[in-house]
Protein backbone atom coordinates (compact mmCIF):
# COMPACT_ATOMS: atom_id res chain seq x y z
CA UNK A 1 169.86 245.67 127.24
CA UNK A 2 172.78 244.16 125.41
CA UNK A 3 175.22 245.62 128.15
CA UNK A 4 172.92 244.21 130.71
CA UNK A 5 172.54 240.87 129.34
CA UNK A 6 176.90 240.44 128.88
CA UNK A 7 176.82 241.98 131.99
CA UNK A 8 179.18 245.04 131.16
CA UNK A 9 177.32 247.57 133.33
CA UNK A 10 176.81 247.68 137.16
CA UNK A 11 173.24 248.62 138.67
CA UNK A 12 173.15 252.34 138.37
CA UNK A 13 172.17 252.64 142.18
CA UNK A 14 175.16 250.37 142.90
CA UNK A 15 172.61 247.40 144.40
CA UNK A 16 174.64 244.20 144.11
CA UNK A 17 172.89 241.75 141.34
CA UNK A 18 171.92 238.41 141.70
CA UNK A 19 174.07 236.49 139.26
CA UNK A 20 175.34 233.21 140.58
CA UNK A 21 177.20 232.00 137.21
CA UNK A 22 178.97 235.60 137.05
CA UNK A 23 182.42 233.88 136.95
CA UNK A 24 181.43 230.16 136.37
CA UNK A 25 183.07 227.47 133.88
CA UNK A 26 179.89 228.63 131.26
CA UNK A 27 181.51 232.28 130.86
CA UNK A 28 184.60 230.82 129.82
CA UNK A 29 183.14 229.08 126.74
CA UNK A 30 180.27 231.68 126.27
CA UNK A 31 181.10 235.24 127.48
CA UNK A 32 177.15 236.15 127.92
CA UNK A 33 176.66 232.77 129.01
CA UNK A 34 173.77 231.81 129.24
CA UNK A 35 172.74 234.34 126.54
CA UNK A 36 173.37 234.66 123.10
CA UNK A 37 170.91 237.70 122.40
CA UNK A 38 170.26 238.88 118.75
CA UNK A 39 172.26 241.93 117.28
CA UNK A 40 170.23 245.13 118.82
CA UNK A 41 168.68 245.96 114.85
CA UNK A 42 167.29 242.12 115.51
CA UNK A 43 165.29 243.12 118.49
CA UNK A 44 162.04 244.42 116.76
CA UNK A 45 161.59 240.68 115.38
CA UNK A 46 162.14 238.91 118.98
CA UNK A 47 160.73 241.37 121.50
CA UNK A 48 157.27 242.78 121.92
CA UNK A 49 155.62 245.57 124.06
CA UNK A 50 153.56 244.95 127.28
CA UNK A 51 151.19 246.60 129.32
CA UNK A 52 152.10 247.16 132.98
CA UNK A 53 149.48 244.18 134.31
CA UNK A 54 150.94 241.74 131.63
CA UNK A 55 154.69 242.69 132.80
CA UNK A 56 153.24 241.71 136.21
CA UNK A 57 152.04 238.66 135.51
CA UNK A 58 155.28 237.97 133.17
CA UNK A 59 157.44 238.60 136.35
CA UNK A 60 155.28 236.45 138.66
CA UNK A 61 155.39 233.07 136.91
CA UNK A 62 159.24 233.57 136.39
CA UNK A 63 158.83 232.21 140.09
CA UNK A 64 157.73 228.83 138.49
CA UNK A 65 159.45 225.86 137.66
CA UNK A 66 160.27 224.98 134.28
CA UNK A 67 160.09 221.19 134.59
CA UNK A 68 157.39 219.75 136.57
CA UNK A 69 156.09 223.19 138.42
CA UNK A 70 154.00 221.31 140.99
CA UNK A 71 151.79 224.52 141.88
CA UNK A 72 151.41 227.12 138.90
CA UNK A 73 150.90 230.73 140.28
CA UNK A 74 147.66 230.60 139.09
CA UNK A 75 146.67 227.61 141.61
CA UNK A 76 148.79 229.25 144.67
CA UNK A 77 146.89 230.12 147.85
CA UNK A 78 149.45 233.16 147.79
CA UNK A 79 148.90 234.26 144.27
CA UNK A 80 148.19 237.93 145.30
CA UNK A 81 151.33 237.85 147.10
CA UNK A 82 153.48 236.73 144.48
CA UNK A 83 151.52 239.18 142.14
CA UNK A 84 152.32 242.02 144.61
CA UNK A 85 156.13 241.08 144.88
CA UNK A 86 156.37 241.50 141.18
CA UNK A 87 154.61 245.14 141.26
CA UNK A 88 157.13 246.20 144.21
CA UNK A 89 160.08 245.37 141.64
CA UNK A 90 158.60 246.87 138.77
CA UNK A 91 157.89 249.83 140.70
CA UNK A 92 161.35 250.69 140.58
CA UNK A 93 161.34 252.03 137.17
CA UNK A 94 158.26 254.27 137.82
CA UNK A 95 154.90 255.10 136.05
CA UNK A 96 156.20 255.85 132.80
CA UNK A 97 158.36 252.76 132.21
CA UNK A 98 157.72 250.44 129.19
CA UNK A 99 158.12 246.75 129.35
CA UNK A 100 159.10 244.19 126.93
CA UNK A 101 159.43 240.51 126.50
CA UNK A 102 160.50 237.80 124.53
CA UNK A 103 157.38 235.74 124.43
CA UNK A 104 155.64 234.77 121.51
CA UNK A 105 151.97 235.34 123.02
CA UNK A 106 152.82 239.12 122.95
CA UNK A 107 152.56 239.07 119.29
CA UNK A 108 149.25 239.32 119.41
CA UNK A 109 148.66 242.14 121.66
CA UNK A 110 150.33 243.78 124.53
CA UNK A 111 148.16 242.20 127.29
CA UNK A 112 148.89 238.39 127.01
CA UNK A 113 147.75 236.47 130.20
CA UNK A 114 151.17 235.17 131.47
CA UNK A 115 149.45 233.60 134.81
CA UNK A 116 146.63 231.55 133.00
CA UNK A 117 149.18 230.31 130.87
CA UNK A 118 151.94 229.60 133.18
CA UNK A 119 155.85 229.71 132.90
CA UNK A 120 155.67 226.11 130.98
CA UNK A 121 153.11 227.10 128.69
CA UNK A 122 154.64 230.22 127.32
CA UNK A 123 156.72 230.12 124.26
CA UNK A 124 159.55 232.55 123.58
CA UNK A 125 161.87 233.66 120.93
CA UNK A 126 165.02 232.21 122.49
CA UNK A 127 168.05 234.82 123.81
CA UNK A 128 169.53 231.66 124.80
CA UNK A 129 172.94 230.02 123.52
CA UNK A 130 172.89 226.63 122.23
CA UNK A 131 176.08 226.09 123.98
CA UNK A 132 176.01 222.47 125.77
CA UNK A 133 177.95 223.86 128.79
CA UNK A 134 178.79 221.25 131.93
CA UNK A 135 175.57 219.09 130.78
CA UNK A 136 173.23 221.52 130.46
CA UNK A 137 171.03 221.98 127.84
CA UNK A 138 168.95 225.25 127.81
CA UNK A 139 165.84 224.80 126.12
CA UNK A 140 163.43 227.29 127.68
CA UNK A 141 163.30 230.72 128.65
CA UNK A 142 161.09 233.99 129.06
CA UNK A 143 162.14 237.57 129.60
CA UNK A 144 161.02 240.95 130.69
CA UNK A 145 162.98 243.97 130.05
CA UNK A 146 161.82 247.16 131.62
CA UNK A 147 162.91 250.50 130.34
CA UNK A 148 162.47 253.73 132.21
CA UNK A 149 164.39 257.12 131.79
CA UNK A 150 166.88 256.53 134.01
CA UNK A 151 167.85 252.82 133.68
CA UNK A 152 167.01 249.18 131.88
CA UNK A 153 165.92 246.32 134.08
CA UNK A 154 166.25 243.13 132.89
CA UNK A 155 164.64 240.32 134.19
CA UNK A 156 165.11 236.23 132.85
CA UNK A 157 163.69 233.22 133.51
CA UNK A 158 165.73 230.00 131.94
CA UNK A 159 164.75 226.52 131.82
CA UNK A 160 167.32 223.35 131.62
CA UNK A 161 167.02 220.03 129.82
């Protein structure tokens, strides 16, 4: 997972990733920008397991805006389509995949209702850098990690103040 956050590995299936800031100025200041993940030995303090349904909800709410969301997933007319898209993305990892999140709510159990809480209502143990780069102060994040026998998928939503 650290290698993925640091963009040190390519997609094992050769598919291109979505990484608009791969060569951005933030990467000059902080090589893993926007991340500053803890060392691997600290992951148990920051990551919690999720059931698949909760992972779907977490991924779905990542489509929301951090600031001033006009239509949270829970109230959208296309809610079921957003959830179906999230299921499709996670299907890549197969039926035996395990899911992990940095969401604080998952500390009380592996099935928090992310859709009901919404992105803005979901606190997390941050994996973000505290560096102030190009006028951006990164203040919110929600991460989802999918782990299969063959690969690791990392999905992250980052909010800037």
